[in-house]
Amino acid sequence: MDISSFAFHSPEDYYSIASPWFEELDPGFGQKLKKEDDSKGGGGNGYFNEEGLKKSGYGDILASLLLLEEEAKQEEAQWITETRHEKALFESNHKRKVQAMNEFYDHLQQHYSQVNHLDGLSTGKRSWKSASALVATLATASGDDKVDLCDEMSKGMTMATGQQKRLWVKDRSQDWWDRCNHQEFPEEEFRKAFRMSKSTFGLICRELEPVVMKKNTMLRDAIPVRQRVAACIWRLATGEPLRLVSKRFGLGISTCHKLVLEVCSAINTVLMPKFLQWPDEEKMKEIKEEFELISGVPNIGGSIHTTHVPIIAPKVNVAAYFNRRHTERNQKTSYSITVQGVVDREGIFRDICIGWPGSMPDDQVLEKSALFQRASKGGLKDVWIVGNSGYPLMDWLLVPYTHHNLTWAQHGFNEKIGEVQNVAKEAFARLKGRWTCLQKRTEVKLQELPMVLGACCVLHNVCEMNNEEMDPELQFELFDDEIIPGNNLRSSNAVLARDNIAHNLLHHGLGGTSFH
């Protein structure tokens, strides 16, 4: 990079260049120098008196600049002082207002306990006056002219009249639930709404109370246990969307969603070990005797069936949940998950397996279940589980004959086995009829749905054990979507055992009524 030379000037040259600017800045500047030069003897021309220029011209300019700088510093110092003062004043006012608000809140909390014990109109008036005085105290202590006294007085009146509502909670109507929860509410109406009697509902609430109950906080009162359980059961019973649950029980939609999942989780944790378990030896012996009375086949310990629950198309692995049979039947694309269950003679679930994709046939769902693992380890010795033609014949699983040209003994065997199988089908029909949420696609996420379905199975058992009758209007027609597996004969010993059972039924005259 090239650098050009710079010419330095003498003081006379510099002044000759800058003198027009000085003359323009101060018209009397040249005249002053002229007079001073003449008074000293006129030795100069009046404009190039260097000493006068340095003492008067430069001095005045430098003095002006220093004065301006000093004024700027003073203004800056004054601004900093005023800012600090305003900040201190603001913090002082803020602390004072916060203290006043805290005192106001403390006074209102004291009125909670006092007003609850006061009765009568005169007592209410005195409480109202006290609340008004507190509001006036707040307005005086805060020193804020913008306080809305009418609004604060109305809030104080609410506190004084004993309505313990938090100021920030949205007011929702709970009239419907309050009527249902009243002792004089008709039993029939309660059963229609919650699919069970008041006594059974009370039993569930008492069992779940230690897990479901929440504590009150300074901001709001906890939702009572009965209301929480009722909202969950009503949601499962009706299958209505959360916005309608919110209107019925006076709760927020997000609160209802969280509440339903919490209660379902509690049902699985607390009630399932008591109401849905594999029977012990004594109970299994009783179940075998009951099944033998209706079928003539000994050692039947349960009836198994698999049904499908519709779901919204999942975002992941959607093909696995595609249900071809329901799609063909409903004439629209359908997705589902499976629910496999083993029931006893009373239609009570003794084992369930929930959550496998709807594209899986019954035999594959069975192989994924804990029941299959129990049987593989010898846990079902001397026990027959009866299934439909969608299951394979195994050493512990008894299924009907599926080939053509059946003998009389085989026909009779299929009839008796069909009666046992109908026990499971009727149980699933009551399950879906009682809990309508299983009939439609719900708003529950796929990963949370097995927990909800498990709760439905447990509540079904509770109702069955307490002899809760179903409304005839709730009857549900179960769609039988069984598919014969490719390999439906898994054990040669089971083939011989089934033939012997069929022969014995025919020999003892128990092989059906169509062939006598």
Protein backbone atom coordinates (compact mmCIF):
# COMPACT_ATOMS: atom_id res chain seq x y z
CA MET A 1 0.00 0.00 0.00
CA ASP A 2 1.36 3.40 -1.01
CA ILE A 3 1.58 6.14 1.60
CA SER A 4 1.64 9.80 0.34
CA SER A 5 3.68 12.53 2.07
CA PHE A 6 2.05 15.07 4.35
CA ALA A 7 3.29 18.73 4.36
CA PHE A 8 3.73 20.33 7.77
CA HIS A 9 2.99 24.08 8.07
CA SER A 10 4.49 26.82 10.19
CA PRO A 11 2.32 28.58 12.78
CA GLU A 12 1.90 31.50 10.38
CA ASP A 13 0.73 29.20 7.62
CA TYR A 14 -1.62 27.34 9.97
CA TYR A 15 -3.13 30.61 11.13
CA SER A 16 -3.56 31.91 7.60
CA ILE A 17 -5.53 28.79 6.78
CA ALA A 18 -7.67 28.79 9.92
CA SER A 19 -8.20 32.56 10.25
CA PRO A 20 -11.34 32.68 8.03
CA TRP A 21 -12.97 30.11 10.33
CA PHE A 22 -12.09 32.12 13.42
CA GLU A 23 -13.42 35.26 11.81
CA GLU A 24 -16.69 33.52 10.97
CA LEU A 25 -16.93 32.05 14.46
CA ASP A 26 -16.33 35.44 16.15
CA PRO A 27 -16.69 38.56 13.94
CA GLY A 28 -15.06 40.73 16.60
CA PHE A 29 -12.08 38.49 16.92
CA GLY A 30 -10.02 40.30 14.24
CA GLN A 31 -11.07 43.74 15.39
CA LYS A 32 -9.95 42.94 18.91
CA LEU A 33 -6.54 41.88 17.72
CA LYS A 34 -6.27 44.97 15.55
CA LYS A 35 -6.94 47.34 18.43
CA GLU A 36 -4.55 45.59 20.73
CA ASP A 37 -1.81 45.76 18.12
CA ASP A 38 -2.34 49.47 17.53
CA SER A 39 -2.34 50.26 21.22
CA LYS A 40 1.08 48.67 21.61
CA GLY A 41 2.66 50.89 19.07
CA GLY A 42 1.35 49.62 15.81
CA GLY A 43 4.32 47.49 15.21
CA GLY A 44 2.35 44.82 13.51
CA ASN A 45 -0.51 44.35 11.14
CA GLY A 46 -3.02 43.45 13.91
CA TYR A 47 -3.76 39.97 12.61
CA PHE A 48 -0.51 38.10 13.04
CA ASN A 49 0.19 38.94 16.63
CA GLU A 50 1.15 35.41 17.65
CA GLU A 51 1.19 36.03 21.39
CA GLY A 52 -2.29 37.56 21.30
CA LEU A 53 -3.56 34.71 19.22
CA LYS A 54 -2.28 32.08 21.64
CA LYS A 55 -3.47 33.87 24.78
CA SER A 56 -6.89 35.00 23.63
CA GLY A 57 -8.04 32.80 20.70
CA TYR A 58 -6.84 29.34 21.78
CA GLY A 59 -7.49 30.04 25.41
CA ASP A 60 -11.12 30.91 24.80
CA ILE A 61 -11.68 27.77 22.73
CA LEU A 62 -10.03 25.46 25.26
CA ALA A 63 -11.93 27.05 28.10
CA SER A 64 -15.20 26.49 26.23
CA LEU A 65 -14.37 22.86 25.62
CA LEU A 66 -13.41 22.25 29.23
CA LEU A 67 -16.60 23.94 30.37
CA LEU A 68 -18.73 21.75 28.11
CA GLU A 69 -16.97 18.62 29.33
CA GLU A 70 -17.46 19.61 32.95
CA GLU A 71 -21.14 20.31 32.37
CA ALA A 72 -21.53 16.87 30.72
CA LYS A 73 -19.90 15.15 33.70
CA GLN A 74 -22.15 17.01 36.11
CA GLU A 75 -25.24 16.05 34.15
CA GLU A 76 -24.14 12.37 34.06
CA ALA A 77 -23.48 12.37 37.80
CA GLN A 78 -26.86 13.98 38.44
CA TRP A 79 -28.61 11.35 36.22
CA ILE A 80 -26.91 8.49 38.05
CA THR A 81 -27.94 9.93 41.40
CA GLU A 82 -31.56 10.37 40.31
CA THR A 83 -31.66 6.81 38.85
CA ARG A 84 -30.38 5.28 42.06
CA HIS A 85 -32.90 7.24 44.05
CA GLU A 86 -35.79 6.12 41.82
CA LYS A 87 -34.64 2.49 41.99
CA ALA A 88 -34.47 2.61 45.78
CA LEU A 89 -37.91 4.20 45.90
CA PHE A 90 -39.35 1.52 43.56
CA GLU A 91 -37.89 -1.33 45.61
CA SER A 92 -39.21 0.21 48.81
CA ASN A 93 -42.73 0.53 47.34
CA HIS A 94 -42.60 -3.02 45.98
CA LYS A 95 -41.61 -4.50 49.34
CA ARG A 96 -44.31 -2.53 51.06
CA LYS A 97 -46.98 -3.73 48.62
CA VAL A 98 -45.85 -7.35 48.86
CA GLN A 99 -45.95 -7.15 52.64
CA ALA A 100 -49.43 -5.65 52.49
CA MET A 101 -50.66 -8.42 50.16
CA ASN A 102 -49.22 -11.10 52.42
CA GLU A 103 -50.91 -9.57 55.42
CA PHE A 104 -54.17 -9.39 53.48
CA TYR A 105 -53.92 -13.07 52.54
CA ASP A 106 -53.17 -14.05 56.14
CA HIS A 107 -56.24 -12.18 57.34
CA LEU A 108 -58.42 -13.92 54.76
CA GLN A 109 -57.07 -17.32 55.80
CA GLN A 110 -58.06 -16.53 59.37
CA HIS A 111 -61.55 -15.72 58.15
CA TYR A 112 -61.80 -19.20 56.60
CA SER A 113 -61.86 -20.89 60.00
CA GLN A 114 -63.96 -18.19 61.64
CA VAL A 115 -66.71 -17.86 59.03
CA ASN A 116 -67.23 -21.63 58.73
CA HIS A 117 -68.55 -21.64 62.31
CA LEU A 118 -70.82 -18.64 61.94
CA ASP A 119 -74.51 -18.99 61.21
CA GLY A 120 -77.29 -16.55 60.50
CA LEU A 121 -77.68 -13.36 58.55
CA SER A 122 -76.20 -11.08 61.18
CA THR A 123 -73.09 -13.21 61.41
CA GLY A 124 -72.73 -13.07 57.61
CA LYS A 125 -73.01 -9.27 57.71
CA ARG A 126 -70.29 -9.00 60.33
CA SER A 127 -68.02 -11.25 58.28
CA TRP A 128 -68.70 -9.14 55.20
CA LYS A 129 -67.74 -6.00 57.12
CA SER A 130 -64.54 -7.65 58.29
CA ALA A 131 -63.65 -8.64 54.73
CA SER A 132 -64.37 -5.08 53.55
CA ALA A 133 -62.12 -3.71 56.28
CA LEU A 134 -59.35 -6.02 55.16
CA VAL A 135 -59.70 -4.80 51.60
CA ALA A 136 -59.56 -1.18 52.79
CA THR A 137 -56.45 -2.03 54.79
CA LEU A 138 -54.88 -3.51 51.69
CA ALA A 139 -55.64 -0.45 49.61
CA THR A 140 -54.23 1.88 52.30
CA ALA A 141 -51.13 -0.19 52.94
CA SER A 142 -50.27 -0.65 49.29
CA GLY A 143 -50.63 3.05 48.47
CA ASP A 144 -51.66 2.15 44.94
CA ASP A 145 -54.52 4.25 43.60
CA LYS A 146 -55.16 1.70 40.83
CA VAL A 147 -56.41 -1.05 43.17
CA ASP A 148 -59.87 -2.26 42.07
CA LEU A 149 -61.71 -2.09 45.37
CA CYS A 150 -64.98 -3.46 43.97
CA ASP A 151 -63.25 -6.57 42.67
CA GLU A 152 -61.31 -7.13 45.89
CA MET A 153 -64.45 -6.59 48.01
CA SER A 154 -66.36 -9.16 45.98
CA LYS A 155 -63.53 -11.63 46.55
CA GLY A 156 -63.52 -10.84 50.23
CA MET A 157 -67.28 -11.45 50.37
CA THR A 158 -66.76 -14.84 48.75
CA MET A 159 -64.23 -15.70 51.42
CA ALA A 160 -66.49 -14.39 54.19
CA THR A 161 -69.57 -16.38 53.15
CA GLY A 162 -67.71 -19.66 53.55
CA GLN A 163 -67.27 -20.61 49.86
CA GLN A 164 -63.71 -21.87 49.94
CA LYS A 165 -62.87 -21.33 46.28
CA ARG A 166 -59.41 -20.26 45.25
CA LEU A 167 -59.37 -16.99 43.39
CA TRP A 168 -57.62 -18.40 40.31
CA VAL A 169 -59.67 -21.61 39.86
CA LYS A 170 -62.20 -21.56 37.05
CA ASP A 171 -65.74 -22.04 38.31
CA ARG A 172 -67.25 -25.19 36.75
CA SER A 173 -70.59 -26.74 37.52
CA GLN A 174 -70.64 -30.01 39.46
CA ASP A 175 -74.43 -30.22 39.78
CA TRP A 176 -74.73 -33.57 37.98
CA TRP A 177 -72.11 -35.28 40.12
CA ASP A 178 -73.47 -33.68 43.30
CA ARG A 179 -76.88 -35.20 42.55
CA CYS A 180 -75.35 -38.62 41.81
CA ASN A 181 -73.31 -38.50 45.00
CA HIS A 182 -76.32 -37.66 47.16
CA GLN A 183 -77.68 -40.39 49.40
CA GLU A 184 -81.19 -39.95 48.02
CA PHE A 185 -80.11 -40.41 44.40
CA PRO A 186 -82.08 -43.39 42.96
CA GLU A 187 -80.22 -46.70 42.91
CA GLU A 188 -81.48 -47.51 39.43
CA GLU A 189 -80.20 -44.24 37.99
CA PHE A 190 -76.84 -44.70 39.69
CA ARG A 191 -76.52 -48.22 38.28
CA LYS A 192 -77.39 -46.97 34.81
CA ALA A 193 -74.72 -44.27 34.96
CA PHE A 194 -71.89 -46.31 36.53
CA ARG A 195 -72.81 -49.92 35.62
CA MET A 196 -72.83 -50.95 39.28
CA SER A 197 -74.69 -50.41 42.53
CA LYS A 198 -73.80 -47.83 45.14
CA SER A 199 -72.48 -50.53 47.47
CA THR A 200 -70.09 -51.92 44.85
CA PHE A 201 -68.97 -48.40 43.99
CA GLY A 202 -68.31 -47.73 47.67
CA LEU A 203 -66.27 -50.94 47.90
CA ILE A 204 -64.05 -49.80 45.01
CA CYS A 205 -63.57 -46.37 46.55
CA ARG A 206 -62.54 -47.83 49.90
CA GLU A 207 -60.04 -50.16 48.25
CA LEU A 208 -58.49 -47.39 46.13
CA GLU A 209 -58.55 -44.60 48.71
CA PRO A 210 -55.00 -45.13 50.08
CA VAL A 211 -53.54 -44.81 46.56
CA VAL A 212 -55.93 -42.36 44.90
CA MET A 213 -56.42 -39.84 47.71
CA LYS A 214 -54.56 -36.51 47.36
CA LYS A 215 -53.83 -33.88 49.99
CA ASN A 216 -55.13 -30.32 49.98
CA THR A 217 -52.66 -27.56 49.17
CA MET A 218 -52.51 -23.83 49.84
CA LEU A 219 -53.66 -23.15 46.27
CA ARG A 220 -56.60 -25.54 45.93
CA ASP A 221 -58.50 -28.37 47.55
CA ALA A 222 -57.83 -31.90 46.33
CA ILE A 223 -60.49 -33.69 44.27
CA PRO A 224 -62.34 -36.16 46.56
CA VAL A 225 -61.73 -39.88 46.09
CA ARG A 226 -65.34 -40.64 45.17
CA GLN A 227 -65.33 -37.97 42.48
CA ARG A 228 -62.05 -39.21 41.04
CA VAL A 229 -63.20 -42.84 40.92
CA ALA A 230 -66.61 -41.86 39.55
CA ALA A 231 -65.09 -39.81 36.71
CA CYS A 232 -62.89 -42.74 35.68
CA ILE A 233 -65.69 -45.34 35.84
CA TRP A 234 -68.14 -43.09 33.98
CA ARG A 235 -65.54 -42.53 31.26
CA LEU A 236 -64.97 -46.30 30.89
CA ALA A 237 -68.68 -47.09 31.06
CA THR A 238 -69.84 -44.56 28.47
CA GLY A 239 -66.77 -44.12 26.29
CA GLU A 240 -67.65 -40.42 26.06
CA PRO A 241 -64.87 -37.95 25.12
CA LEU A 242 -63.00 -36.09 27.83
CA ARG A 243 -64.79 -32.81 27.16
CA LEU A 244 -68.10 -34.40 28.25
CA VAL A 245 -66.45 -35.94 31.30
CA SER A 246 -65.23 -32.45 32.13
CA LYS A 247 -68.75 -31.02 31.95
CA ARG A 248 -70.29 -33.82 34.00
CA PHE A 249 -67.86 -33.60 36.90
CA GLY A 250 -66.87 -29.93 36.80
CA LEU A 251 -63.20 -30.63 36.12
CA GLY A 252 -60.70 -29.48 33.51
CA ILE A 253 -60.18 -31.65 30.43
CA SER A 254 -56.50 -32.21 31.15
CA THR A 255 -57.37 -32.99 34.78
CA CYS A 256 -59.88 -35.61 33.63
CA HIS A 257 -57.32 -37.24 31.33
CA LYS A 258 -54.73 -37.44 34.09
CA LEU A 259 -57.30 -38.57 36.62
CA VAL A 260 -58.58 -41.47 34.46
CA LEU A 261 -55.07 -42.80 33.92
CA GLU A 262 -54.21 -42.51 37.63
CA VAL A 263 -57.33 -44.38 38.73
CA CYS A 264 -56.83 -47.08 36.07
CA SER A 265 -53.26 -47.53 37.28
CA ALA A 266 -54.51 -47.82 40.87
CA ILE A 267 -57.09 -50.41 39.82
CA ASN A 268 -54.39 -52.54 38.22
CA THR A 269 -52.08 -52.12 41.21
CA VAL A 270 -54.54 -52.56 44.07
CA LEU A 271 -57.55 -54.48 42.77
CA MET A 272 -56.02 -56.84 40.22
CA PRO A 273 -54.11 -58.94 42.80
CA LYS A 274 -57.40 -59.39 44.69
CA PHE A 275 -59.91 -59.83 41.86
CA LEU A 276 -58.01 -61.18 38.85
CA GLN A 277 -55.62 -64.02 39.65
CA TRP A 278 -55.04 -67.59 38.49
CA PRO A 279 -56.97 -69.91 40.84
CA ASP A 280 -55.24 -71.97 43.47
CA GLU A 281 -55.68 -75.76 43.70
CA GLU A 282 -58.84 -75.62 45.77
CA LYS A 283 -60.50 -73.08 43.50
CA MET A 284 -59.34 -74.94 40.37
CA LYS A 285 -60.98 -78.12 41.64
CA GLU A 286 -64.24 -76.22 42.09
CA ILE A 287 -64.00 -74.76 38.57
CA LYS A 288 -63.40 -78.20 37.06
CA GLU A 289 -66.50 -79.58 38.73
CA GLU A 290 -68.62 -76.69 37.45
CA PHE A 291 -67.44 -77.10 33.86
CA GLU A 292 -67.94 -80.86 34.00
CA LEU A 293 -71.59 -80.33 34.92
CA ILE A 294 -72.29 -78.49 31.66
CA SER A 295 -69.99 -80.45 29.34
CA GLY A 296 -69.40 -83.90 30.76
CA VAL A 297 -65.68 -83.40 30.11
CA PRO A 298 -63.47 -83.70 33.20
CA ASN A 299 -60.56 -81.42 34.16
CA ILE A 300 -61.68 -78.31 32.25
CA GLY A 301 -60.17 -75.38 34.14
CA GLY A 302 -61.12 -72.48 31.88
CA SER A 303 -62.48 -71.19 28.60
CA ILE A 304 -60.24 -68.98 26.44
CA HIS A 305 -61.17 -66.37 23.85
CA THR A 306 -59.46 -63.46 22.08
CA THR A 307 -61.25 -60.28 21.05
CA HIS A 308 -60.14 -57.08 19.35
CA VAL A 309 -60.48 -53.48 20.56
CA PRO A 310 -60.52 -50.76 17.87
CA ILE A 311 -57.83 -48.07 17.99
CA ILE A 312 -56.82 -45.00 16.02
CA ALA A 313 -54.18 -45.74 13.39
CA PRO A 314 -50.84 -45.56 15.20
CA LYS A 315 -48.00 -43.43 13.87
CA VAL A 316 -45.43 -46.23 14.21
CA ASN A 317 -45.68 -49.76 12.78
CA VAL A 318 -49.18 -49.10 11.47
CA ALA A 319 -49.27 -52.26 9.30
CA ALA A 320 -48.95 -54.52 12.36
CA TYR A 321 -52.18 -53.12 13.83
CA PHE A 322 -54.21 -53.35 10.61
CA ASN A 323 -57.20 -55.67 11.12
CA ARG A 324 -58.18 -57.23 7.82
CA ARG A 325 -61.24 -59.06 9.16
CA HIS A 326 -62.75 -55.95 10.76
CA THR A 327 -61.93 -53.92 7.66
CA GLU A 328 -63.86 -56.36 5.46
CA ARG A 329 -66.75 -56.51 7.92
CA ASN A 330 -67.05 -52.74 8.55
CA GLN A 331 -66.19 -51.69 4.99
CA LYS A 332 -63.63 -49.21 6.27
CA THR A 333 -60.01 -49.37 7.32
CA SER A 334 -59.77 -50.70 10.87
CA TYR A 335 -56.93 -51.05 13.38
CA SER A 336 -57.04 -52.92 16.67
CA ILE A 337 -55.18 -54.50 19.57
CA THR A 338 -55.98 -57.89 21.08
CA VAL A 339 -57.37 -58.91 24.46
CA GLN A 340 -56.97 -62.60 25.33
CA GLY A 341 -58.72 -63.89 28.42
CA VAL A 342 -59.37 -67.14 30.27
CA VAL A 343 -62.61 -67.24 32.28
CA ASP A 344 -64.14 -69.67 34.77
CA ARG A 345 -67.69 -71.01 34.78
CA GLU A 346 -69.05 -67.72 36.19
CA GLY A 347 -67.48 -65.66 33.41
CA ILE A 348 -64.82 -64.19 35.74
CA PHE A 349 -61.44 -63.53 34.17
CA ARG A 350 -58.64 -65.66 35.60
CA ASP A 351 -55.92 -64.68 33.14
CA ILE A 352 -55.58 -61.88 30.59
CA CYS A 353 -53.08 -60.91 27.90
CA ILE A 354 -53.52 -57.43 26.42
CA GLY A 355 -51.85 -55.27 23.82
CA TRP A 356 -50.61 -57.40 20.92
CA PRO A 357 -51.25 -55.95 17.41
CA GLY A 358 -54.53 -56.74 15.69
CA SER A 359 -52.91 -58.39 12.67
CA MET A 360 -51.74 -61.33 14.81
CA PRO A 361 -53.99 -64.44 14.76
CA ASP A 362 -55.17 -66.03 17.99
CA ASP A 363 -52.54 -68.78 18.04
CA GLN A 364 -49.68 -66.28 17.79
CA VAL A 365 -51.15 -64.14 20.55
CA LEU A 366 -51.39 -67.27 22.70
CA GLU A 367 -47.72 -68.07 22.18
CA LYS A 368 -46.80 -64.57 23.41
CA SER A 369 -48.85 -64.82 26.60
CA ALA A 370 -47.91 -65.67 30.17
CA LEU A 371 -50.47 -68.50 30.03
CA PHE A 372 -48.39 -70.25 27.37
CA GLN A 373 -45.27 -69.84 29.51
CA ARG A 374 -47.07 -71.25 32.53
CA ALA A 375 -48.21 -74.29 30.52
CA SER A 376 -44.73 -74.81 29.08
CA LYS A 377 -43.34 -75.02 32.62
CA GLY A 378 -45.92 -77.62 33.65
CA GLY A 379 -48.23 -75.26 35.47
CA LEU A 380 -51.34 -76.63 33.72
CA LYS A 381 -50.86 -80.31 34.45
CA ASP A 382 -54.18 -82.19 34.47
CA VAL A 383 -55.98 -79.04 33.34
CA TRP A 384 -57.76 -78.47 30.02
CA ILE A 385 -58.28 -74.97 28.64
CA VAL A 386 -61.03 -74.94 26.00
CA GLY A 387 -60.66 -72.72 22.96
CA ASN A 388 -62.30 -72.25 19.57
CA SER A 389 -60.98 -73.32 16.19
CA GLY A 390 -58.63 -70.33 16.12
CA TYR A 391 -56.33 -72.12 18.58
CA PRO A 392 -54.17 -75.21 18.03
CA LEU A 393 -54.73 -78.54 19.78
CA MET A 394 -52.07 -79.04 22.47
CA ASP A 395 -51.53 -81.15 25.56
CA TRP A 396 -53.37 -78.58 27.71
CA LEU A 397 -55.53 -76.82 25.09
CA LEU A 398 -58.70 -78.53 23.85
CA VAL A 399 -60.28 -77.33 20.59
CA PRO A 400 -63.11 -78.64 18.34
CA TYR A 401 -62.70 -80.79 15.25
CA THR A 402 -62.41 -78.71 12.09
CA HIS A 403 -62.19 -81.28 9.26
CA HIS A 404 -65.14 -82.33 7.10
CA ASN A 405 -67.24 -85.52 7.43
CA LEU A 406 -67.25 -85.66 11.21
CA THR A 407 -68.43 -88.75 13.07
CA TRP A 408 -71.27 -88.73 15.57
CA ALA A 409 -68.76 -88.72 18.43
CA GLN A 410 -66.90 -85.79 16.91
CA HIS A 411 -70.14 -83.84 16.34
CA GLY A 412 -71.16 -84.47 19.93
CA PHE A 413 -67.74 -83.44 21.20
CA ASN A 414 -67.92 -80.15 19.24
CA GLU A 415 -71.33 -79.39 20.74
CA LYS A 416 -70.15 -79.85 24.30
CA ILE A 417 -66.93 -77.98 23.72
CA GLY A 418 -68.96 -75.21 22.09
CA GLU A 419 -71.01 -74.81 25.28
CA VAL A 420 -67.81 -74.30 27.26
CA GLN A 421 -66.49 -71.89 24.66
CA ASN A 422 -69.71 -69.87 24.83
CA VAL A 423 -68.94 -69.10 28.48
CA ALA A 424 -65.90 -67.08 27.37
CA LYS A 425 -67.77 -65.42 24.50
CA GLU A 426 -70.59 -64.34 26.79
CA ALA A 427 -68.08 -62.99 29.31
CA PHE A 428 -66.39 -60.87 26.62
CA ALA A 429 -69.81 -59.71 25.38
CA ARG A 430 -70.66 -58.51 28.89
CA LEU A 431 -67.22 -56.91 29.19
CA LYS A 432 -67.72 -54.85 26.04
CA GLY A 433 -71.35 -54.17 26.77
CA ARG A 434 -70.70 -52.93 30.30
CA TRP A 435 -67.64 -50.83 29.37
CA THR A 436 -68.60 -49.06 26.16
CA CYS A 437 -65.13 -47.56 25.73
CA LEU A 438 -64.06 -50.97 24.35
CA GLN A 439 -66.48 -50.64 21.44
CA LYS A 440 -65.05 -47.45 19.96
CA ARG A 441 -61.72 -45.82 19.29
CA THR A 442 -60.68 -43.85 22.33
CA GLU A 443 -58.50 -40.80 22.95
CA VAL A 444 -56.06 -42.88 25.01
CA LYS A 445 -52.54 -43.26 23.65
CA LEU A 446 -51.54 -46.69 22.39
CA GLN A 447 -48.90 -47.22 25.08
CA GLU A 448 -51.44 -46.37 27.81
CA LEU A 449 -54.34 -48.41 26.39
CA PRO A 450 -53.36 -51.81 27.90
CA MET A 451 -53.57 -50.26 31.37
CA VAL A 452 -57.08 -48.98 30.64
CA LEU A 453 -58.21 -52.32 29.19
CA GLY A 454 -56.78 -54.14 32.19
CA ALA A 455 -58.80 -51.87 34.48
CA CYS A 456 -61.95 -52.74 32.52
CA CYS A 457 -61.29 -56.46 33.01
CA VAL A 458 -60.75 -55.97 36.76
CA LEU A 459 -63.94 -53.90 37.11
CA HIS A 460 -65.79 -56.61 35.14
CA ASN A 461 -64.66 -59.16 37.74
CA VAL A 462 -65.71 -56.90 40.61
CA CYS A 463 -69.19 -56.56 39.13
CA GLU A 464 -69.48 -60.29 38.39
CA MET A 465 -68.36 -61.28 41.89
CA ASN A 466 -70.90 -58.88 43.40
CA ASN A 467 -73.70 -60.21 41.14
CA GLU A 468 -74.21 -56.90 39.35
CA GLU A 469 -76.84 -57.43 36.67
CA MET A 470 -76.43 -55.78 33.30
CA ASP A 471 -79.09 -53.63 31.73
CA PRO A 472 -80.59 -55.51 28.74
CA GLU A 473 -80.04 -52.38 26.67
CA LEU A 474 -76.28 -52.84 27.08
CA GLN A 475 -76.17 -56.24 25.39
CA PHE A 476 -73.34 -56.41 22.86
CA GLU A 477 -73.09 -58.79 19.91
CA LEU A 478 -69.58 -60.20 19.89
CA PHE A 479 -68.04 -60.56 16.44
CA ASP A 480 -66.36 -63.95 16.11
CA ASP A 481 -63.29 -63.36 13.94
CA GLU A 482 -61.43 -66.60 14.52
CA ILE A 483 -59.14 -68.03 11.84
CA ILE A 484 -58.07 -71.67 11.77
CA PRO A 485 -54.28 -71.76 12.23
CA GLY A 486 -52.09 -73.43 9.62
CA ASN A 487 -50.87 -76.03 12.09
CA ASN A 488 -53.80 -76.75 14.40
CA LEU A 489 -52.48 -80.10 15.67
CA ARG A 490 -49.41 -79.55 17.84
CA SER A 491 -49.43 -82.79 19.85
CA SER A 492 -50.14 -86.40 18.91
CA ASN A 493 -50.95 -87.19 22.55
CA ALA A 494 -53.55 -84.43 22.53
CA VAL A 495 -55.13 -85.96 19.38
CA LEU A 496 -55.55 -89.30 21.15
CA ALA A 497 -56.83 -87.63 24.31
CA ARG A 498 -59.46 -85.68 22.36
CA ASP A 499 -60.62 -88.84 20.55
CA ASN A 500 -60.97 -90.66 23.86
CA ILE A 501 -62.99 -87.79 25.32
CA ALA A 502 -65.30 -87.78 22.28
CA HIS A 503 -65.78 -91.57 22.51
CA ASN A 504 -66.54 -91.43 26.23
CA LEU A 505 -69.09 -88.67 25.71
CA LEU A 506 -70.91 -90.71 23.10
CA HIS A 507 -70.65 -93.95 25.11
CA HIS A 508 -72.18 -92.31 28.21
CA GLY A 509 -74.90 -90.58 26.22
CA LEU A 510 -73.39 -87.09 26.71
CA GLY A 511 -72.30 -86.49 23.16
CA GLY A 512 -75.01 -84.03 22.23
CA THR A 513 -78.75 -84.18 21.47
CA SER A 514 -78.72 -84.14 17.69
CA PHE A 515 -77.76 -87.77 17.28
CA HIS A 516 -80.08 -89.72 19.61
